[in-house]
Protein backbone atom coordinates (compact mmCIF):
# COMPACT_ATOMS: atom_id res chain seq x y z
CA MET A 1 109.54 137.11 71.15
CA LYS A 2 108.23 138.29 74.01
CA ALA A 3 111.28 140.39 75.01
CA LEU A 4 112.19 141.53 71.55
CA ARG A 5 108.45 142.87 71.50
CA TRP A 6 109.43 144.60 74.91
CA ILE A 7 112.19 146.20 73.73
CA GLU A 8 110.34 147.79 70.11
CA LEU A 9 107.59 149.08 72.38
CA ILE A 10 109.98 150.99 74.76
CA VAL A 11 112.15 152.11 71.51
CA LEU A 12 109.45 153.45 69.48
CA PHE A 13 107.45 155.03 72.47
CA VAL A 14 109.58 156.01 74.68
CA GLY A 15 112.98 156.55 73.56
CA VAL A 16 112.14 158.16 70.32
CA PRO A 17 109.86 161.24 72.24
CA PHE A 18 112.54 161.53 75.01
CA VAL A 19 115.35 161.64 72.44
CA LEU A 20 113.62 164.51 70.14
CA ALA A 21 112.18 166.38 73.54
CA VAL A 22 115.85 166.62 75.37
CA PHE A 23 118.60 166.12 72.81
CA LEU A 24 116.91 167.07 69.17
CA PRO A 25 116.33 170.85 68.18
CA PRO A 26 112.83 171.55 67.71
CA ARG A 27 113.45 171.68 63.30
CA ALA A 28 113.80 167.84 64.07
CA LEU A 29 110.37 167.20 64.91
CA TYR A 30 108.61 166.23 61.69
CA PRO A 31 111.62 164.35 60.33
CA VAL A 32 111.86 162.11 63.08
CA LEU A 33 107.92 161.69 63.73
CA ALA A 34 107.73 160.91 60.07
CA THR A 35 110.47 158.50 60.61
CA GLY A 36 109.35 156.62 63.77
CA GLY A 37 105.85 156.66 61.48
CA VAL A 38 107.02 154.75 59.00
CA VAL A 39 109.02 152.09 61.00
CA GLY A 40 105.82 151.82 63.11
CA ILE A 41 103.58 151.01 60.04
CA ILE A 42 106.39 148.69 58.92
CA LEU A 43 106.24 146.89 62.48
CA LEU A 44 102.56 147.11 61.85
CA HIS A 45 102.25 145.51 58.34
CA PHE A 46 104.85 142.26 59.65
CA THR A 47 102.34 141.68 62.59
CA LYS A 48 100.82 138.08 62.42
CA GLU A 49 97.87 139.18 64.18
CA PHE A 50 97.05 142.39 62.48
CA ARG A 51 94.83 142.62 58.45
CA TRP A 52 94.85 145.63 56.79
CA ARG A 53 91.49 145.08 55.82
CA GLU A 54 90.21 145.07 59.61
CA LEU A 55 91.19 148.66 59.48
CA LEU A 56 87.93 149.33 57.69
CA GLY A 57 84.68 150.59 59.15
CA GLY A 58 81.95 153.63 59.56
CA VAL A 59 81.85 156.54 60.76
CA ARG A 60 78.97 157.65 63.83
CA TRP A 61 79.19 161.22 62.83
CA GLY A 62 76.59 162.35 65.61
CA GLU A 63 79.33 161.08 68.47
CA ALA A 64 82.60 162.86 65.97
CA LEU A 65 80.57 166.13 65.60
CA ALA A 66 79.46 166.20 69.27
CA LEU A 67 82.89 165.79 70.47
CA GLY A 68 84.12 168.32 67.91
CA VAL A 69 81.25 171.03 69.26
CA LEU A 70 82.62 170.01 73.26
CA THR A 71 86.27 169.99 72.65
CA PHE A 72 85.88 173.75 70.62
CA VAL A 73 84.12 175.18 73.67
CA ILE A 74 86.54 173.69 76.15
CA ALA A 75 89.72 174.64 73.91
CA SER A 76 88.43 177.76 73.48
CA PHE A 77 87.70 178.49 77.00
CA VAL A 78 91.36 177.25 78.12
CA CYS A 79 92.90 179.08 75.12
CA TRP A 80 90.88 182.32 76.72
CA LEU A 81 92.69 181.64 79.71
CA ILE A 82 95.86 181.32 78.99
CA LEU A 83 96.25 182.16 75.09
CA PRO A 84 93.99 185.05 75.05
CA GLU A 85 95.84 186.38 72.54
CA ARG A 86 95.38 183.41 70.18
CA LEU A 87 91.70 182.69 70.76
CA TRP A 88 89.98 182.07 67.73
CA PHE A 89 92.95 183.22 65.74
CA ILE A 90 93.07 180.94 62.91
CA LEU A 91 89.22 181.22 62.52
CA ILE A 92 89.34 184.96 62.33
CA HIS A 93 92.43 186.11 60.54
CA ALA A 94 93.12 182.96 58.11
CA PRO A 95 90.22 181.20 57.31
CA HIS A 96 91.68 179.76 54.66
CA VAL A 97 94.34 178.27 56.31
CA MET A 98 91.47 176.81 58.77
CA VAL A 99 90.49 174.72 55.59
CA GLY A 100 93.61 173.82 55.01
CA ILE A 101 94.43 172.55 58.08
CA GLY A 102 90.97 171.08 58.17
CA ILE A 103 91.59 168.81 55.37
CA LEU A 104 95.63 167.81 55.64
CA TYR A 105 95.59 167.37 59.63
CA PRO A 106 93.97 164.16 59.74
CA LEU A 107 95.51 163.23 56.63
CA ILE A 108 98.86 163.94 57.78
CA GLN A 109 99.17 163.72 61.32
CA VAL A 110 96.20 161.84 62.94
CA VAL A 111 95.90 158.40 60.69
CA PRO A 112 99.60 157.87 60.55
CA GLN A 113 99.25 158.52 64.63
CA GLU A 114 96.34 156.44 65.05
CA LEU A 115 98.16 153.28 62.93
CA VAL A 116 101.15 153.90 65.10
CA TYR A 117 99.55 154.58 68.60
CA ARG A 118 96.21 152.22 67.84
CA ALA A 119 96.74 149.39 65.40
CA LEU A 120 99.96 149.05 66.13
CA PHE A 121 100.18 149.34 69.50
CA PHE A 122 96.86 147.00 70.70
CA GLU A 123 97.44 144.54 68.11
CA ARG A 124 101.35 144.19 68.62
CA TYR A 125 101.80 145.45 72.14
CA GLY A 126 98.77 144.92 73.86
CA HIS A 127 98.54 141.00 74.60
CA MET A 128 101.73 141.96 76.88
CA PHE A 129 99.40 143.39 79.33
CA SER A 130 97.24 141.69 82.14
CA SER A 131 93.87 143.56 80.77
CA GLN A 132 92.38 145.50 78.12
CA ARG A 133 91.84 148.37 80.66
CA GLN A 134 95.64 148.43 81.60
CA ALA A 135 96.68 148.30 77.87
CA ILE A 136 94.18 151.47 77.29
CA PHE A 137 95.81 153.05 80.37
CA VAL A 138 98.97 152.30 79.43
CA ASN A 139 98.74 153.76 75.97
CA ALA A 140 97.12 157.21 76.84
CA ALA A 141 100.10 157.48 78.83
CA LEU A 142 102.57 157.03 76.12
CA PHE A 143 100.40 159.26 73.76
CA SER A 144 100.85 162.03 76.09
CA PHE A 145 104.19 161.48 76.80
CA GLY A 146 104.87 161.25 73.09
CA HIS A 147 103.98 164.81 72.92
CA LEU A 148 106.49 165.66 75.32
CA MET A 149 108.28 168.11 73.04
CA TYR A 150 105.94 170.24 73.11
CA TRP A 151 107.22 171.03 77.01
CA HIS A 152 103.08 172.11 78.00
CA PRO A 153 101.06 170.39 80.37
CA ILE A 154 97.96 170.84 78.68
CA VAL A 155 99.28 169.43 75.54
CA TRP A 156 99.97 166.62 77.90
CA ILE A 157 96.64 166.38 79.25
CA ALA A 158 95.06 166.90 75.89
CA THR A 159 96.37 164.18 74.50
CA PHE A 160 95.92 161.42 77.99
CA ILE A 161 92.35 162.32 77.91
CA GLY A 162 92.11 162.24 74.35
CA SER A 163 93.91 158.83 73.69
CA PHE A 164 91.31 157.03 76.08
CA LEU A 165 88.68 158.28 73.58
CA PHE A 166 90.54 157.22 70.73
CA SER A 167 91.03 153.65 72.45
CA TYR A 168 87.80 153.15 73.38
CA ALA A 169 86.53 153.75 69.76
CA TYR A 170 89.09 151.80 68.10
CA PHE A 171 88.01 148.70 70.39
CA ARG A 172 84.41 148.75 68.88
CA PRO A 173 83.88 146.20 66.13
CA ARG A 174 86.36 147.75 62.74
CA GLY A 175 86.92 150.76 64.76
CA PHE A 176 90.07 152.33 63.49
CA VAL A 177 88.24 154.79 61.06
CA GLN A 178 85.78 156.34 63.85
CA ALA A 179 89.09 156.80 66.19
CA SER A 180 90.80 158.51 63.18
CA VAL A 181 87.56 160.88 62.52
CA LEU A 182 87.47 161.16 66.28
CA HIS A 183 91.14 162.13 66.86
CA GLY A 184 90.61 163.90 63.27
CA ILE A 185 87.92 166.49 64.09
CA ALA A 186 88.93 166.89 68.10
CA GLY A 187 92.79 168.07 66.98
CA THR A 188 90.88 170.49 64.27
CA ALA A 189 88.66 171.66 67.12
CA ILE A 190 91.82 172.40 69.21
CA PHE A 191 93.51 174.22 66.41
CA ALA A 192 90.52 176.37 65.44
CA SER A 193 90.14 177.23 69.23
CA GLY A 194 93.86 178.81 69.10
CA LEU A 195 94.69 176.58 71.67
CA GLY A 196 96.67 174.33 68.72
CA TRP A 197 99.34 176.94 68.91
CA LEU A 198 100.69 174.59 71.52
CA PHE A 199 101.15 171.75 69.38
CA TYR A 200 102.92 173.21 66.39
CA SER A 201 104.84 175.66 67.42
CA GLY A 202 107.74 173.24 67.96
CA GLY A 203 109.71 172.13 71.10
CA ASN A 204 110.00 174.39 73.94
CA VAL A 205 109.03 177.35 72.04
CA ALA A 206 105.34 176.20 73.25
CA GLN A 207 106.38 177.26 77.05
């Protein structure tokens, strides 16, 4: 059973992102991620250690908004340095699009990612590591690797750091909702800054 779970982990969290980044065209991004997400959620459902009701929980809005402001400031600065032509682009030129991102991004992207990278990873595979701290570090590395297809170090660094924040939030009592809110607000702030262009341009177009 343990060997099978190691195979699952490697295929889902290493194999799929690697194949997507190296062998498949950018247009395959969302179909492959969607398929991987569905498979991950099915595995989560059949994980004996997991109960769906454990995902329910409250939101610490002060913490979430503070992260959003901090993320927006830092991302805006980085965007100004490396992509000055994209700085606050959506906010200025297409605010209605920004509203759509703020609503749809957490639902379509964040919740499935948190189900796979937090709930599935820690509930199904977390016990295979020697400590919670080790599991969180490996999770951060895999979450960053899961964004390999964007081929940009800023994306890898941001997702690596973000994963620590989301994971520690998840490990609080009934912390899935808080982790998802932190992820959604931080990601929306990155899109608002303009740096989000690196996260949706697709494949090596983001180089």
